[in-house]
Amino acid sequence: MVGFTSHQRGEGMKNLFNKWVLGICIVLTVSILTGCGSKTEHWAYIHEPTEEIIALSDNGKATYKGNKYTYTKDDSYITLKDKSGGEESLRYEMNGDQMTLYEKSTYTRLGKAEGDGIVGVWTQDNGWSYQFTEDGRFSEEDIFFGRYTVDEANSCIRLMYDDPIEDAFLYYTLAGDSLTVAYPWPMVRVE
């Protein structure tokens, strides 16, 4: 009968332990390098539920309209930062498992100011437009019409559509003949 000395058994256990430690180290390294365990939220417009618009990973990385960013998030804003240090803050609101994301667009007033504040015709190079009249009527893209009110204290325009469309709340900044509007887009999770 062949037996092992205690020295041989000790060396065998030591080799087994070293292999086990090496295996654990490899698994942990691969997990860290591949981002194992990081959770990512993928969001799309509700009207295009399969086309991802924004992805937010819990490791602080984001993708927005195909561009990569780092991001921070509080209860009201997602702040995206690009590689050159440029920042963009997107207002958002959560409603259960849905999100409303406010995307900014800048419009230029056509002609001279017709009155105070946002009254006038506002256009973009792509042809999109708003018209706000002094009597509280609006036109959006010359397709949607209705009434509007302005909450100057909160920089918010409420659009009340003539069609059976839910009211929209737009956040705005006005600088001379430039109007920046943060328009609400309902979002759903992409699975």
N, C-alpha and C. Protein backbone atom coordinates (compact mmCIF):
# COMPACT_ATOMS: atom_id res chain seq x y z
N MET A 1 0.84 -1.15 0.00
CA MET A 1 0.00 0.00 0.00
C MET A 1 0.90 1.23 0.00
N VAL A 2 0.57 2.12 -0.94
CA VAL A 2 1.37 3.33 -1.08
C VAL A 2 0.67 4.44 -0.32
N GLY A 3 1.35 5.15 0.48
CA GLY A 3 0.78 6.25 1.25
C GLY A 3 1.46 7.56 0.95
N PHE A 4 0.81 8.61 1.34
CA PHE A 4 1.37 9.94 1.15
C PHE A 4 1.88 10.45 2.48
N THR A 5 2.99 11.08 2.43
CA THR A 5 3.50 11.69 3.65
C THR A 5 2.73 12.97 3.91
N SER A 6 2.79 13.44 5.10
CA SER A 6 2.08 14.68 5.42
C SER A 6 2.63 15.84 4.61
N HIS A 7 3.90 15.79 4.26
CA HIS A 7 4.50 16.84 3.44
C HIS A 7 3.88 16.84 2.04
N GLN A 8 3.70 15.63 1.46
CA GLN A 8 3.12 15.53 0.12
C GLN A 8 1.66 15.98 0.13
N ARG A 9 0.92 15.60 1.18
CA ARG A 9 -0.48 16.04 1.28
C ARG A 9 -0.54 17.55 1.43
N GLY A 10 0.34 18.14 2.17
CA GLY A 10 0.38 19.60 2.37
C GLY A 10 0.65 20.33 1.07
N GLU A 11 1.59 19.79 0.26
CA GLU A 11 1.91 20.40 -1.04
C GLU A 11 0.70 20.29 -1.97
N GLY A 12 0.03 19.17 -1.96
CA GLY A 12 -1.15 18.97 -2.81
C GLY A 12 -2.26 19.94 -2.45
N MET A 13 -2.51 20.12 -1.15
CA MET A 13 -3.53 21.06 -0.69
C MET A 13 -3.15 22.50 -1.05
N LYS A 14 -1.85 22.80 -0.94
CA LYS A 14 -1.37 24.13 -1.26
C LYS A 14 -1.58 24.42 -2.75
N ASN A 15 -1.28 23.45 -3.62
CA ASN A 15 -1.48 23.62 -5.06
C ASN A 15 -2.96 23.80 -5.39
N LEU A 16 -3.82 23.01 -4.74
CA LEU A 16 -5.26 23.11 -4.94
C LEU A 16 -5.76 24.49 -4.52
N PHE A 17 -5.29 24.96 -3.37
CA PHE A 17 -5.68 26.28 -2.88
C PHE A 17 -5.23 27.38 -3.84
N ASN A 18 -3.99 27.30 -4.35
CA ASN A 18 -3.46 28.30 -5.28
C ASN A 18 -4.27 28.33 -6.58
N LYS A 19 -4.65 27.15 -7.06
CA LYS A 19 -5.46 27.09 -8.28
C LYS A 19 -6.84 27.70 -8.02
N TRP A 20 -7.40 27.44 -6.87
CA TRP A 20 -8.71 27.98 -6.52
C TRP A 20 -8.65 29.51 -6.44
N VAL A 21 -7.63 30.06 -5.79
CA VAL A 21 -7.46 31.51 -5.69
C VAL A 21 -7.26 32.11 -7.07
N LEU A 22 -6.45 31.48 -7.91
CA LEU A 22 -6.22 31.97 -9.26
C LEU A 22 -7.53 31.98 -10.06
N GLY A 23 -8.33 30.95 -9.92
CA GLY A 23 -9.62 30.88 -10.61
C GLY A 23 -10.55 32.01 -10.19
N ILE A 24 -10.62 32.26 -8.90
CA ILE A 24 -11.46 33.34 -8.38
C ILE A 24 -10.98 34.69 -8.91
N CYS A 25 -9.67 34.90 -8.93
CA CYS A 25 -9.10 36.16 -9.44
C CYS A 25 -9.45 36.36 -10.90
N ILE A 26 -9.39 35.31 -11.69
CA ILE A 26 -9.72 35.41 -13.11
C ILE A 26 -11.19 35.77 -13.29
N VAL A 27 -12.08 35.11 -12.56
CA VAL A 27 -13.52 35.40 -12.65
C VAL A 27 -13.80 36.85 -12.25
N LEU A 28 -13.21 37.31 -11.17
CA LEU A 28 -13.42 38.69 -10.73
C LEU A 28 -12.89 39.70 -11.75
N THR A 29 -11.72 39.45 -12.30
CA THR A 29 -11.14 40.35 -13.30
C THR A 29 -12.02 40.43 -14.53
N VAL A 30 -12.49 39.31 -15.03
CA VAL A 30 -13.37 39.29 -16.20
C VAL A 30 -14.67 40.02 -15.88
N SER A 31 -15.21 39.82 -14.69
CA SER A 31 -16.45 40.49 -14.30
C SER A 31 -16.28 42.00 -14.27
N ILE A 32 -15.18 42.47 -13.74
CA ILE A 32 -14.92 43.91 -13.67
C ILE A 32 -14.74 44.48 -15.07
N LEU A 33 -13.96 43.82 -15.90
CA LEU A 33 -13.67 44.33 -17.24
C LEU A 33 -14.89 44.31 -18.15
N THR A 34 -15.79 43.37 -17.98
CA THR A 34 -16.97 43.30 -18.84
C THR A 34 -18.17 44.01 -18.26
N GLY A 35 -18.02 44.59 -17.07
CA GLY A 35 -19.12 45.33 -16.47
C GLY A 35 -20.20 44.44 -15.90
N CYS A 36 -19.88 43.23 -15.61
CA CYS A 36 -20.84 42.30 -15.05
C CYS A 36 -21.45 42.91 -13.80
N GLY A 37 -22.74 42.85 -13.71
CA GLY A 37 -23.42 43.37 -12.54
C GLY A 37 -23.91 44.80 -12.72
N SER A 38 -23.48 45.52 -13.77
CA SER A 38 -24.00 46.86 -13.95
C SER A 38 -25.36 46.78 -14.63
N LYS A 39 -26.27 47.59 -14.15
CA LYS A 39 -27.64 47.58 -14.63
C LYS A 39 -27.83 48.79 -15.54
N THR A 40 -28.51 48.60 -16.67
CA THR A 40 -28.74 49.68 -17.61
C THR A 40 -30.23 49.80 -17.91
N GLU A 41 -30.73 51.03 -17.85
CA GLU A 41 -32.11 51.33 -18.24
C GLU A 41 -32.08 51.79 -19.69
N HIS A 42 -32.91 51.19 -20.53
CA HIS A 42 -33.01 51.57 -21.94
C HIS A 42 -34.40 52.18 -22.16
N TRP A 43 -34.44 53.37 -22.78
CA TRP A 43 -35.70 54.09 -22.97
C TRP A 43 -35.91 54.46 -24.44
N ALA A 44 -37.17 54.40 -24.87
CA ALA A 44 -37.56 54.77 -26.23
C ALA A 44 -38.79 55.66 -26.16
N TYR A 45 -39.02 56.43 -27.23
CA TYR A 45 -40.26 57.20 -27.32
C TYR A 45 -41.43 56.23 -27.32
N ILE A 46 -42.53 56.64 -26.69
CA ILE A 46 -43.70 55.76 -26.61
C ILE A 46 -44.25 55.46 -28.01
N HIS A 47 -44.07 56.39 -28.96
CA HIS A 47 -44.58 56.18 -30.31
C HIS A 47 -43.61 55.38 -31.19
N GLU A 48 -42.39 55.13 -30.71
CA GLU A 48 -41.41 54.27 -31.39
C GLU A 48 -40.75 53.38 -30.34
N PRO A 49 -41.51 52.44 -29.75
CA PRO A 49 -41.04 51.72 -28.56
C PRO A 49 -39.85 50.78 -28.76
N THR A 50 -39.41 50.55 -29.99
CA THR A 50 -38.27 49.67 -30.20
C THR A 50 -36.99 50.43 -30.52
N GLU A 51 -37.07 51.74 -30.70
CA GLU A 51 -35.91 52.55 -31.06
C GLU A 51 -35.36 53.26 -29.82
N GLU A 52 -34.27 52.74 -29.27
CA GLU A 52 -33.69 53.31 -28.05
C GLU A 52 -33.22 54.75 -28.29
N ILE A 53 -33.60 55.65 -27.38
CA ILE A 53 -33.18 57.05 -27.43
C ILE A 53 -32.12 57.33 -26.37
N ILE A 54 -32.35 56.81 -25.16
CA ILE A 54 -31.41 57.05 -24.08
C ILE A 54 -31.23 55.77 -23.27
N ALA A 55 -29.99 55.52 -22.88
CA ALA A 55 -29.66 54.38 -22.02
C ALA A 55 -28.83 54.92 -20.86
N LEU A 56 -29.21 54.56 -19.65
CA LEU A 56 -28.54 55.03 -18.44
C LEU A 56 -28.06 53.83 -17.64
N SER A 57 -26.75 53.72 -17.49
CA SER A 57 -26.16 52.61 -16.76
C SER A 57 -25.83 53.06 -15.34
N ASP A 58 -25.96 52.14 -14.38
CA ASP A 58 -25.67 52.52 -13.00
C ASP A 58 -24.18 52.73 -12.75
N ASN A 59 -23.34 52.53 -13.77
CA ASN A 59 -21.91 52.83 -13.62
C ASN A 59 -21.57 54.25 -14.07
N GLY A 60 -22.63 55.08 -14.32
CA GLY A 60 -22.41 56.48 -14.66
C GLY A 60 -22.21 56.76 -16.14
N LYS A 61 -22.42 55.75 -16.98
CA LYS A 61 -22.29 55.94 -18.42
C LYS A 61 -23.66 55.99 -19.06
N ALA A 62 -23.77 56.80 -20.13
CA ALA A 62 -25.05 56.95 -20.82
C ALA A 62 -24.82 57.01 -22.32
N THR A 63 -25.86 56.67 -23.04
CA THR A 63 -25.92 56.87 -24.49
C THR A 63 -27.19 57.65 -24.75
N TYR A 64 -27.08 58.74 -25.51
CA TYR A 64 -28.24 59.57 -25.84
C TYR A 64 -28.19 59.87 -27.33
N LYS A 65 -29.20 59.39 -28.05
CA LYS A 65 -29.29 59.57 -29.50
C LYS A 65 -27.99 59.15 -30.20
N GLY A 66 -27.43 58.03 -29.75
CA GLY A 66 -26.25 57.45 -30.38
C GLY A 66 -24.92 57.98 -29.90
N ASN A 67 -24.91 59.01 -29.06
CA ASN A 67 -23.66 59.58 -28.55
C ASN A 67 -23.41 59.11 -27.13
N LYS A 68 -22.13 58.95 -26.77
CA LYS A 68 -21.76 58.44 -25.45
C LYS A 68 -21.43 59.60 -24.50
N TYR A 69 -21.85 59.43 -23.25
CA TYR A 69 -21.66 60.43 -22.22
C TYR A 69 -21.40 59.75 -20.88
N THR A 70 -20.96 60.55 -19.92
CA THR A 70 -21.10 60.18 -18.52
C THR A 70 -22.29 61.01 -18.04
N TYR A 71 -22.90 60.59 -16.94
CA TYR A 71 -24.07 61.33 -16.49
C TYR A 71 -24.21 61.31 -14.97
N THR A 72 -24.97 62.29 -14.50
CA THR A 72 -25.45 62.31 -13.13
C THR A 72 -26.95 62.53 -13.21
N LYS A 73 -27.64 62.15 -12.15
CA LYS A 73 -29.10 62.19 -12.17
C LYS A 73 -29.60 62.57 -10.79
N ASP A 74 -30.54 63.52 -10.73
CA ASP A 74 -31.22 63.81 -9.48
C ASP A 74 -32.71 63.59 -9.71
N ASP A 75 -33.56 64.16 -8.86
CA ASP A 75 -34.99 63.92 -8.98
C ASP A 75 -35.64 64.64 -10.15
N SER A 76 -34.95 65.60 -10.78
CA SER A 76 -35.54 66.39 -11.86
C SER A 76 -34.74 66.41 -13.15
N TYR A 77 -33.42 66.21 -13.07
CA TYR A 77 -32.58 66.36 -14.26
C TYR A 77 -31.61 65.20 -14.44
N ILE A 78 -31.38 64.87 -15.70
CA ILE A 78 -30.29 63.99 -16.10
C ILE A 78 -29.28 64.91 -16.76
N THR A 79 -28.07 64.98 -16.20
CA THR A 79 -27.04 65.85 -16.77
C THR A 79 -26.02 64.99 -17.49
N LEU A 80 -25.94 65.20 -18.80
CA LEU A 80 -25.02 64.46 -19.65
C LEU A 80 -23.75 65.27 -19.85
N LYS A 81 -22.60 64.60 -19.81
CA LYS A 81 -21.32 65.27 -20.02
C LYS A 81 -20.55 64.51 -21.08
N ASP A 82 -20.12 65.25 -22.13
CA ASP A 82 -19.36 64.60 -23.19
C ASP A 82 -17.87 64.61 -22.88
N LYS A 83 -17.07 64.01 -23.76
CA LYS A 83 -15.62 63.88 -23.51
C LYS A 83 -14.92 65.23 -23.44
N SER A 84 -15.45 66.24 -24.14
CA SER A 84 -14.80 67.55 -24.13
C SER A 84 -15.24 68.40 -22.93
N GLY A 85 -16.12 67.86 -22.08
CA GLY A 85 -16.55 68.59 -20.90
C GLY A 85 -17.86 69.35 -21.08
N GLY A 86 -18.42 69.32 -22.29
CA GLY A 86 -19.71 69.98 -22.53
C GLY A 86 -20.83 69.25 -21.79
N GLU A 87 -21.77 70.03 -21.26
CA GLU A 87 -22.87 69.45 -20.49
C GLU A 87 -24.21 69.83 -21.10
N GLU A 88 -25.16 68.90 -20.95
CA GLU A 88 -26.54 69.14 -21.33
C GLU A 88 -27.42 68.55 -20.23
N SER A 89 -28.33 69.37 -19.71
CA SER A 89 -29.25 68.90 -18.67
C SER A 89 -30.62 68.68 -19.28
N LEU A 90 -31.14 67.47 -19.09
CA LEU A 90 -32.46 67.11 -19.58
C LEU A 90 -33.40 66.95 -18.39
N ARG A 91 -34.45 67.75 -18.39
CA ARG A 91 -35.49 67.60 -17.35
C ARG A 91 -36.22 66.28 -17.62
N TYR A 92 -36.61 65.60 -16.55
CA TYR A 92 -37.41 64.39 -16.70
C TYR A 92 -38.36 64.26 -15.51
N GLU A 93 -39.41 63.47 -15.72
CA GLU A 93 -40.37 63.15 -14.67
C GLU A 93 -40.69 61.67 -14.77
N MET A 94 -40.78 61.01 -13.64
CA MET A 94 -41.15 59.59 -13.61
C MET A 94 -42.62 59.47 -13.23
N ASN A 95 -43.30 58.52 -13.90
CA ASN A 95 -44.68 58.21 -13.58
C ASN A 95 -44.80 56.69 -13.62
N GLY A 96 -44.56 56.06 -12.49
CA GLY A 96 -44.55 54.60 -12.44
C GLY A 96 -43.38 54.06 -13.26
N ASP A 97 -43.69 53.20 -14.24
CA ASP A 97 -42.62 52.63 -15.07
C ASP A 97 -42.44 53.41 -16.38
N GLN A 98 -43.01 54.60 -16.46
CA GLN A 98 -42.83 55.45 -17.63
C GLN A 98 -42.10 56.72 -17.24
N MET A 99 -41.41 57.29 -18.22
CA MET A 99 -40.67 58.52 -18.00
C MET A 99 -41.09 59.54 -19.05
N THR A 100 -41.17 60.80 -18.66
CA THR A 100 -41.33 61.89 -19.60
C THR A 100 -39.99 62.61 -19.65
N LEU A 101 -39.41 62.67 -20.85
CA LEU A 101 -38.12 63.32 -21.06
C LEU A 101 -38.35 64.61 -21.82
N TYR A 102 -37.82 65.71 -21.30
CA TYR A 102 -37.99 67.01 -21.93
C TYR A 102 -36.75 67.31 -22.77
N GLU A 103 -36.96 67.35 -24.09
CA GLU A 103 -35.85 67.62 -25.01
C GLU A 103 -35.93 69.05 -25.51
N LYS A 104 -34.78 69.70 -25.56
CA LYS A 104 -34.71 71.12 -25.90
C LYS A 104 -34.58 71.34 -27.41
N SER A 105 -35.29 72.36 -27.87
CA SER A 105 -35.20 72.84 -29.25
C SER A 105 -35.20 74.36 -29.19
N THR A 106 -34.43 74.99 -30.06
CA THR A 106 -34.36 76.45 -30.08
C THR A 106 -35.02 76.98 -31.35
N TYR A 107 -35.85 77.99 -31.17
CA TYR A 107 -36.60 78.62 -32.24
C TYR A 107 -36.20 80.09 -32.34
N THR A 108 -36.32 80.64 -33.53
CA THR A 108 -36.01 82.05 -33.76
C THR A 108 -37.30 82.77 -34.16
N ARG A 109 -37.50 83.96 -33.58
CA ARG A 109 -38.70 84.73 -33.88
C ARG A 109 -38.61 85.28 -35.30
N LEU A 110 -39.70 85.15 -36.04
CA LEU A 110 -39.79 85.73 -37.37
C LEU A 110 -40.30 87.17 -37.24
N GLY A 111 -39.65 88.09 -37.92
CA GLY A 111 -40.09 89.48 -37.88
C GLY A 111 -39.84 90.11 -36.53
N LYS A 112 -40.47 91.24 -36.33
CA LYS A 112 -40.29 91.95 -35.05
C LYS A 112 -41.25 91.42 -34.01
N ALA A 113 -40.94 91.70 -32.77
CA ALA A 113 -41.79 91.25 -31.67
C ALA A 113 -43.18 91.83 -31.82
N GLU A 114 -44.21 90.97 -31.72
CA GLU A 114 -45.59 91.41 -31.85
C GLU A 114 -46.19 91.80 -30.50
N GLY A 115 -45.52 91.52 -29.45
CA GLY A 115 -46.04 91.82 -28.12
C GLY A 115 -45.02 91.41 -27.09
N ASP A 116 -45.49 91.21 -25.89
CA ASP A 116 -44.60 90.80 -24.80
C ASP A 116 -44.33 89.30 -24.83
N GLY A 117 -43.20 88.93 -24.31
CA GLY A 117 -42.88 87.52 -24.07
C GLY A 117 -42.83 86.67 -25.32
N ILE A 118 -43.59 85.58 -25.30
CA ILE A 118 -43.49 84.59 -26.36
C ILE A 118 -44.40 84.87 -27.55
N VAL A 119 -45.18 85.93 -27.52
CA VAL A 119 -46.09 86.24 -28.62
C VAL A 119 -45.29 86.42 -29.91
N GLY A 120 -45.71 85.71 -30.96
CA GLY A 120 -45.05 85.81 -32.25
C GLY A 120 -44.97 84.47 -32.94
N VAL A 121 -44.30 84.46 -34.09
CA VAL A 121 -44.08 83.24 -34.86
C VAL A 121 -42.63 82.84 -34.65
N TRP A 122 -42.43 81.58 -34.26
CA TRP A 122 -41.11 81.05 -33.94
C TRP A 122 -40.82 79.87 -34.86
N THR A 123 -39.65 79.84 -35.49
CA THR A 123 -39.33 78.77 -36.44
C THR A 123 -37.94 78.19 -36.18
N GLN A 124 -37.75 77.00 -36.73
CA GLN A 124 -36.44 76.35 -36.77
C GLN A 124 -36.06 76.16 -38.23
N ASP A 125 -34.79 75.89 -38.48
CA ASP A 125 -34.32 75.65 -39.85
C ASP A 125 -34.99 74.44 -40.50
N ASN A 126 -35.42 73.47 -39.68
CA ASN A 126 -36.07 72.27 -40.21
C ASN A 126 -37.54 72.48 -40.56
N GLY A 127 -38.04 73.72 -40.36
CA GLY A 127 -39.43 74.02 -40.71
C GLY A 127 -40.41 73.92 -39.56
N TRP A 128 -39.99 73.41 -38.42
CA TRP A 128 -40.89 73.33 -37.29
C TRP A 128 -41.19 74.73 -36.79
N SER A 129 -42.39 74.90 -36.26
CA SER A 129 -42.76 76.26 -35.83
C SER A 129 -43.82 76.25 -34.73
N TYR A 130 -43.84 77.36 -34.03
CA TYR A 130 -44.91 77.69 -33.08
C TYR A 130 -45.38 79.10 -33.41
N GLN A 131 -46.66 79.33 -33.22
CA GLN A 131 -47.17 80.70 -33.27
C GLN A 131 -48.02 80.90 -32.02
N PHE A 132 -47.69 81.96 -31.28
CA PHE A 132 -48.43 82.32 -30.08
C PHE A 132 -49.04 83.69 -30.32
N THR A 133 -50.36 83.81 -30.16
CA THR A 133 -51.04 85.09 -30.38
C THR A 133 -51.31 85.78 -29.06
N GLU A 134 -51.57 87.09 -29.14
CA GLU A 134 -51.84 87.86 -27.92
C GLU A 134 -53.12 87.42 -27.23
N ASP A 135 -54.06 86.84 -27.98
CA ASP A 135 -55.34 86.43 -27.38
C ASP A 135 -55.32 85.01 -26.82
N GLY A 136 -54.11 84.43 -26.66
CA GLY A 136 -53.99 83.14 -25.99
C GLY A 136 -54.19 81.93 -26.88
N ARG A 137 -54.07 82.07 -28.20
CA ARG A 137 -54.18 80.94 -29.12
C ARG A 137 -52.78 80.55 -29.59
N PHE A 138 -52.62 79.27 -29.96
CA PHE A 138 -51.34 78.83 -30.49
C PHE A 138 -51.55 77.90 -31.68
N SER A 139 -50.51 77.79 -32.47
CA SER A 139 -50.43 76.83 -33.57
C SER A 139 -49.07 76.15 -33.44
N GLU A 140 -49.08 74.82 -33.53
CA GLU A 140 -47.85 74.03 -33.47
C GLU A 140 -47.69 73.34 -34.82
N GLU A 141 -46.66 73.70 -35.55
CA GLU A 141 -46.36 73.15 -36.87
C GLU A 141 -47.48 73.41 -37.88
N ASP A 142 -48.37 74.36 -37.62
CA ASP A 142 -49.55 74.60 -38.47
C ASP A 142 -50.40 73.34 -38.64
N ILE A 143 -50.30 72.43 -37.66
CA ILE A 143 -51.08 71.20 -37.66
C ILE A 143 -51.97 71.13 -36.43
N PHE A 144 -51.41 71.46 -35.27
CA PHE A 144 -52.13 71.39 -34.01
C PHE A 144 -52.43 72.81 -33.55
N PHE A 145 -53.64 72.99 -33.03
CA PHE A 145 -54.08 74.31 -32.61
C PHE A 145 -54.71 74.21 -31.23
N GLY A 146 -54.79 75.34 -30.55
CA GLY A 146 -55.44 75.36 -29.25
C GLY A 146 -55.18 76.65 -28.52
N ARG A 147 -55.38 76.59 -27.20
CA ARG A 147 -55.15 77.73 -26.32
C ARG A 147 -53.89 77.48 -25.50
N TYR A 148 -53.30 78.56 -25.01
CA TYR A 148 -52.10 78.42 -24.17
C TYR A 148 -52.15 79.42 -23.03
N THR A 149 -51.44 79.07 -21.96
CA THR A 149 -51.20 79.99 -20.85
C THR A 149 -49.71 79.94 -20.54
N VAL A 150 -49.23 81.02 -19.92
CA VAL A 150 -47.81 81.10 -19.56
C VAL A 150 -47.69 81.30 -18.06
N ASP A 151 -46.90 80.48 -17.42
CA ASP A 151 -46.54 80.62 -16.01
C ASP A 151 -45.10 81.15 -16.00
N GLU A 152 -44.97 82.47 -15.98
CA GLU A 152 -43.64 83.09 -16.06
C GLU A 152 -42.76 82.74 -14.87
N ALA A 153 -43.36 82.60 -13.70
CA ALA A 153 -42.58 82.29 -12.49
C ALA A 153 -41.85 80.96 -12.62
N ASN A 154 -42.49 79.99 -13.30
CA ASN A 154 -41.88 78.66 -13.48
C ASN A 154 -41.38 78.44 -14.90
N SER A 155 -41.40 79.49 -15.72
CA SER A 155 -40.96 79.41 -17.12
C SER A 155 -41.61 78.23 -17.84
N CYS A 156 -42.95 78.17 -17.76
CA CYS A 156 -43.69 77.04 -18.31
C CYS A 156 -44.85 77.54 -19.18
N ILE A 157 -44.99 76.93 -20.34
CA ILE A 157 -46.10 77.19 -21.25
C ILE A 157 -47.00 75.96 -21.23
N ARG A 158 -48.30 76.17 -21.00
CA ARG A 158 -49.26 75.06 -21.04
C ARG A 158 -50.02 75.14 -22.35
N LEU A 159 -49.91 74.07 -23.15
CA LEU A 159 -50.64 73.98 -24.41
C LEU A 159 -51.89 73.13 -24.19
N MET A 160 -53.06 73.72 -24.48
CA MET A 160 -54.33 73.01 -24.35
C MET A 160 -54.89 72.84 -25.76
N TYR A 161 -54.74 71.65 -26.31
CA TYR A 161 -55.05 71.37 -27.71
C TYR A 161 -56.55 71.35 -27.96
N ASP A 162 -56.95 71.80 -29.17
CA ASP A 162 -58.35 71.69 -29.59
C ASP A 162 -58.69 70.23 -29.86
N ASP A 163 -57.73 69.46 -30.37
CA ASP A 163 -57.93 68.03 -30.62
C ASP A 163 -57.90 67.29 -29.29
N PRO A 164 -58.40 66.05 -29.27
CA PRO A 164 -58.37 65.29 -28.02
C PRO A 164 -56.95 64.78 -27.72
N ILE A 165 -56.07 65.72 -27.40
CA ILE A 165 -54.69 65.42 -27.05
C ILE A 165 -54.46 65.97 -25.64
N GLU A 166 -53.75 65.21 -24.84
CA GLU A 166 -53.45 65.64 -23.47
C GLU A 166 -52.68 66.96 -23.48
N ASP A 167 -52.98 67.83 -22.53
CA ASP A 167 -52.26 69.10 -22.41
C ASP A 167 -50.76 68.83 -22.31
N ALA A 168 -49.97 69.73 -22.89
CA ALA A 168 -48.51 69.62 -22.81
C ALA A 168 -47.97 70.81 -22.03
N PHE A 169 -46.98 70.54 -21.18
CA PHE A 169 -46.32 71.58 -20.41
C PHE A 169 -44.90 71.70 -20.94
N LEU A 170 -44.57 72.86 -21.52
CA LEU A 170 -43.26 73.11 -22.10
C LEU A 170 -42.51 74.06 -21.20
N TYR A 171 -41.28 73.74 -20.88
CA TYR A 171 -40.44 74.66 -20.12
C TYR A 171 -39.64 75.48 -21.13
N TYR A 172 -39.48 76.76 -20.87
CA TYR A 172 -38.85 77.61 -21.87
C TYR A 172 -37.89 78.61 -21.27
N THR A 173 -36.99 79.09 -22.12
CA THR A 173 -36.17 80.26 -21.81
C THR A 173 -36.26 81.17 -23.02
N LEU A 174 -36.36 82.45 -22.75
CA LEU A 174 -36.51 83.46 -23.79
C LEU A 174 -35.35 84.43 -23.68
N ALA A 175 -34.63 84.59 -24.79
CA ALA A 175 -33.50 85.53 -24.83
C ALA A 175 -33.61 86.33 -26.13
N GLY A 176 -34.25 87.48 -26.06
CA GLY A 176 -34.45 88.31 -27.25
C GLY A 176 -35.32 87.59 -28.25
N ASP A 177 -34.78 87.34 -29.44
CA ASP A 177 -35.53 86.65 -30.50
C ASP A 177 -35.21 85.17 -30.56
N SER A 178 -34.75 84.60 -29.45
CA SER A 178 -34.45 83.18 -29.37
C SER A 178 -35.29 82.55 -28.25
N LEU A 179 -36.03 81.51 -28.60
CA LEU A 179 -36.89 80.81 -27.66
C LEU A 179 -36.45 79.35 -27.60
N THR A 180 -35.99 78.90 -26.43
CA THR A 180 -35.62 77.50 -26.24
C THR A 180 -36.75 76.82 -25.48
N VAL A 181 -37.25 75.75 -26.06
CA VAL A 181 -38.38 75.03 -25.51
C VAL A 181 -37.95 73.62 -25.14
N ALA A 182 -38.26 73.19 -23.92
CA ALA A 182 -38.06 71.80 -23.51
C ALA A 182 -39.41 71.10 -23.63
N TYR A 183 -39.54 70.27 -24.65
CA TYR A 183 -40.81 69.64 -24.99
C TYR A 183 -40.89 68.25 -24.35
N PRO A 184 -42.06 67.90 -23.79
CA PRO A 184 -42.20 66.59 -23.11
C PRO A 184 -42.43 65.44 -24.09
N TRP A 185 -41.59 64.41 -23.98
CA TRP A 185 -41.73 63.21 -24.79
C TRP A 185 -41.96 62.03 -23.86
N PRO A 186 -43.14 61.39 -23.93
CA PRO A 186 -43.37 60.19 -23.12
C PRO A 186 -42.45 59.06 -23.59
N MET A 187 -41.84 58.37 -22.62
CA MET A 187 -40.88 57.31 -22.90
C MET A 187 -41.36 56.00 -22.25
N VAL A 188 -40.93 54.89 -22.85
CA VAL A 188 -41.18 53.56 -22.26
C VAL A 188 -39.86 52.81 -22.23
N ARG A 189 -39.77 51.85 -21.34
CA ARG A 189 -38.57 51.02 -21.27
C ARG A 189 -38.49 50.09 -22.46
N VAL A 190 -37.28 49.93 -22.96
CA VAL A 190 -37.01 48.96 -24.03
C VAL A 190 -36.51 47.70 -23.34
N GLU A 191 -37.14 46.59 -23.59
CA GLU A 191 -36.75 45.33 -22.95
C GLU A 191 -35.68 44.63 -23.74
